[in-house]
Protein backbone atom coordinates (compact mmCIF):
# COMPACT_ATOMS: atom_id res chain seq x y z
CA MET A 1 5.92 -50.53 -92.55
CA ASN A 2 6.33 -53.87 -94.26
CA GLU A 3 10.05 -53.80 -93.46
CA SER A 4 9.38 -53.84 -89.71
CA HIS A 5 7.61 -57.21 -90.02
CA ASP A 6 10.69 -58.65 -91.73
CA ASP A 7 13.23 -57.17 -89.30
CA PRO A 8 14.75 -60.07 -87.30
CA VAL A 9 15.55 -57.76 -84.37
CA LEU A 10 11.92 -56.67 -84.03
CA ILE A 11 10.72 -60.25 -84.43
CA ARG A 12 13.09 -61.40 -81.69
CA ARG A 13 12.03 -58.48 -79.48
CA MET A 14 8.39 -59.53 -79.89
CA GLN A 15 9.28 -63.13 -78.99
CA VAL A 16 11.13 -62.03 -75.87
CA GLY A 17 8.21 -59.75 -75.00
CA SER A 18 5.86 -62.72 -75.19
CA PHE A 19 8.19 -64.74 -72.95
CA VAL A 20 8.30 -61.83 -70.49
CA ARG A 21 4.51 -61.57 -70.29
CA GLN A 22 4.12 -65.33 -69.75
CA THR A 23 6.79 -65.60 -67.06
CA LEU A 24 5.47 -62.51 -65.27
CA ARG A 25 2.08 -64.20 -65.07
CA ILE A 26 3.65 -67.38 -63.69
CA GLY A 27 5.79 -65.50 -61.17
CA TYR A 28 2.97 -63.33 -59.92
CA ALA A 29 0.64 -66.35 -59.75
CA ALA A 30 3.20 -68.09 -57.52
CA LEU A 31 3.35 -64.98 -55.34
CA ALA A 32 -0.45 -64.80 -55.18
CA ALA A 33 -0.63 -68.47 -54.20
CA ALA A 34 1.87 -67.81 -51.41
CA ILE A 35 -0.15 -64.86 -50.13
CA VAL A 36 -3.42 -66.82 -50.21
CA ALA A 37 -1.83 -69.81 -48.48
CA PHE A 38 -0.43 -67.53 -45.79
CA GLY A 39 -3.84 -65.89 -45.34
CA VAL A 40 -5.53 -69.28 -45.00
CA GLY A 41 -2.81 -70.32 -42.59
CA VAL A 42 -3.42 -67.30 -40.38
CA PHE A 43 -7.07 -68.22 -39.94
CA ALA A 44 -6.55 -72.02 -39.83
CA ASP A 45 -3.70 -72.03 -37.28
CA PHE A 46 -1.06 -72.78 -39.94
CA PRO A 47 -1.61 -76.35 -41.09
CA PRO A 48 1.56 -77.79 -42.67
CA TRP A 49 0.25 -77.56 -46.25
CA THR A 50 -0.22 -73.78 -45.94
CA VAL A 51 3.36 -73.33 -44.81
CA THR A 52 4.60 -75.50 -47.68
CA VAL A 53 2.53 -73.70 -50.31
CA ALA A 54 3.54 -70.28 -48.96
CA ALA A 55 7.23 -71.17 -48.89
CA VAL A 56 7.24 -72.78 -52.33
CA GLY A 57 5.28 -69.87 -53.80
CA LEU A 58 7.67 -67.31 -52.35
CA ILE A 59 10.75 -69.21 -53.48
CA ALA A 60 9.32 -69.73 -56.96
CA SER A 61 8.41 -66.07 -57.34
CA CYS A 62 11.85 -64.97 -56.12
CA VAL A 63 13.51 -67.24 -58.67
CA ILE A 64 11.16 -66.56 -61.59
CA LEU A 65 10.31 -62.85 -61.36
CA PRO A 66 13.73 -61.16 -61.67
CA ILE A 67 14.31 -62.57 -65.16
CA PRO A 68 11.21 -61.16 -66.88
CA ILE A 69 11.43 -57.90 -64.94
CA VAL A 70 14.96 -57.22 -66.20
CA LEU A 71 14.17 -58.38 -69.73
CA GLY A 72 11.05 -56.21 -69.74
CA TYR A 73 13.09 -53.14 -68.83
CA GLY A 74 15.52 -54.01 -71.61
CA ILE A 75 12.76 -54.34 -74.18
CA ARG A 76 11.17 -51.03 -73.15
CA LYS A 77 14.51 -49.24 -73.35
CA ALA A 78 15.24 -50.75 -76.78
CA GLU A 79 11.81 -49.65 -78.01
CA ARG A 80 12.41 -46.11 -76.76
CA GLU A 81 15.79 -45.91 -78.48
CA ASP A 82 14.76 -47.61 -81.74
CA PRO A 83 13.08 -45.06 -83.99
CA GLY A 84 11.64 -47.80 -86.21
CA ALA A 85 9.69 -49.34 -83.34
CA SER A 86 7.55 -46.26 -82.64
CA GLY A 87 4.50 -48.00 -84.09
CA HIS A 88 4.84 -50.98 -81.72
CA GLY A 89 3.04 -50.16 -78.49
CA GLY A 90 3.56 -52.69 -75.68
């Protein structure tokens, strides 16, 4: 058990997992902001700021989200295939 805390691969996997969680939050927050701005725009006859916020939020989420999604799949697959990581639940 003590060896898993010293394993550089597991340490790196935990670091990447932390990065994935943080960037998922940022990406989904950008998507949520776009949805809210669009909703406000529907009821407020689309003032320019709602269009800008919606567009920027969508573009940001499209740029940000693919990276942590793919890395997250990679981490989960590595944890499934690594018998030493069975004690690390995500």
